[in-house]
């Protein structure tokens, strides 16, 4: 979701780190912002989200074997710097 709570469709979601090694897998969010990824084993994972026009976001989630969890990741628009003009 974005900072105002609206879902962000088409964002790429993947496990950036976790216990042991795991295959490179990713999901795209639906128009409602939902996604599903299957954790290969129990443990704590860093979930990263990328979407065009937003800064990358990371969330940490601890999962048991076979557990399904709902997580919310807030995507923020990049802050434009107010540089001086020549």
Protein backbone atom coordinates (compact mmCIF):
# COMPACT_ATOMS: atom_id res chain seq x y z
CA UNK A 1 0.00 0.00 0.00
CA UNK A 2 1.09 3.58 -0.44
CA UNK A 3 1.48 6.09 2.38
CA UNK A 4 -2.21 7.05 2.11
CA UNK A 5 -3.35 3.42 2.45
CA UNK A 6 -4.18 2.76 -1.21
CA UNK A 7 -3.12 -0.59 -2.65
CA UNK A 8 -0.23 -0.66 -5.12
CA UNK A 9 -0.73 -3.18 -7.91
CA UNK A 10 2.13 -4.61 -9.95
CA UNK A 11 4.77 -4.31 -7.22
CA UNK A 12 7.50 -6.99 -7.19
CA UNK A 13 7.75 -8.80 -3.83
CA UNK A 14 10.51 -11.24 -2.89
CA UNK A 15 12.48 -12.76 -0.02
CA UNK A 16 15.71 -10.74 0.28
CA UNK A 17 17.11 -12.89 3.08
CA UNK A 18 16.10 -15.73 5.32
CA UNK A 19 17.28 -18.91 7.00
CA UNK A 20 19.55 -21.06 4.85
CA UNK A 21 19.46 -20.89 1.09
CA UNK A 22 16.28 -20.67 -0.92
CA UNK A 23 15.35 -20.36 -4.58
CA UNK A 24 15.02 -16.97 -6.21
CA UNK A 25 11.26 -16.46 -6.23
CA UNK A 26 9.09 -13.39 -6.49
CA UNK A 27 5.46 -12.40 -6.77
CA UNK A 28 3.63 -9.43 -8.23
CA UNK A 29 0.95 -7.73 -6.20
CA UNK A 30 -2.58 -7.76 -7.53
CA UNK A 31 -4.60 -4.60 -8.08
CA UNK A 32 -5.74 -4.94 -4.45
CA UNK A 33 -2.09 -5.01 -3.30
CA UNK A 34 -2.22 -8.68 -2.25
CA UNK A 35 0.50 -11.23 -2.94
CA UNK A 36 1.48 -14.74 -1.86
CA UNK A 37 4.95 -16.22 -1.38
CA UNK A 38 5.66 -19.65 0.08
CA UNK A 39 8.52 -19.67 2.57
CA UNK A 40 10.68 -22.74 2.02
CA UNK A 41 11.24 -23.26 5.77
CA UNK A 42 10.40 -21.77 9.15
CA UNK A 43 12.35 -18.70 10.21
CA UNK A 44 12.63 -14.94 9.90
CA UNK A 45 12.63 -13.45 6.40
CA UNK A 46 13.29 -9.99 5.00
CA UNK A 47 10.61 -9.26 2.40
CA UNK A 48 11.47 -6.54 -0.11
CA UNK A 49 9.00 -4.69 -2.30
CA UNK A 50 9.78 -2.68 -5.45
CA UNK A 51 7.27 -0.65 -7.44
CA UNK A 52 7.75 1.97 -10.14
CA UNK A 53 7.59 5.47 -8.69
CA UNK A 54 8.21 4.32 -5.11
CA UNK A 55 11.22 3.78 -2.88
CA UNK A 56 12.14 0.17 -2.10
CA UNK A 57 10.59 -1.07 1.15
CA UNK A 58 11.58 -3.94 3.43
CA UNK A 59 9.59 -5.77 6.10
CA UNK A 60 10.66 -8.53 8.47
CA UNK A 61 8.36 -11.50 9.06
CA UNK A 62 8.82 -14.63 11.19
CA UNK A 63 7.07 -17.73 9.87
CA UNK A 64 6.44 -21.25 11.10
CA UNK A 65 6.46 -24.13 8.62
CA UNK A 66 3.35 -23.89 6.42
CA UNK A 67 2.10 -20.72 8.15
CA UNK A 68 0.22 -18.03 6.21
CA UNK A 69 0.64 -14.45 7.38
CA UNK A 70 -0.74 -11.12 6.31
CA UNK A 71 1.83 -8.34 6.29
CA UNK A 72 1.49 -4.72 5.30
CA UNK A 73 4.35 -2.91 3.61
CA UNK A 74 4.06 0.83 3.08
CA UNK A 75 5.61 2.18 -0.12
CA UNK A 76 6.67 5.81 -0.11
CA UNK A 77 7.27 8.16 -3.01
CA UNK A 78 10.85 9.42 -3.26
CA UNK A 79 11.50 12.79 -1.66
CA UNK A 80 12.52 15.33 -4.28
CA UNK A 81 15.52 17.34 -3.20
CA UNK A 82 15.28 21.09 -3.49
CA UNK A 83 18.61 21.75 -5.14
CA UNK A 84 19.82 25.15 -6.18
CA UNK A 85 19.61 26.07 -9.82
CA UNK A 86 22.79 27.31 -11.51
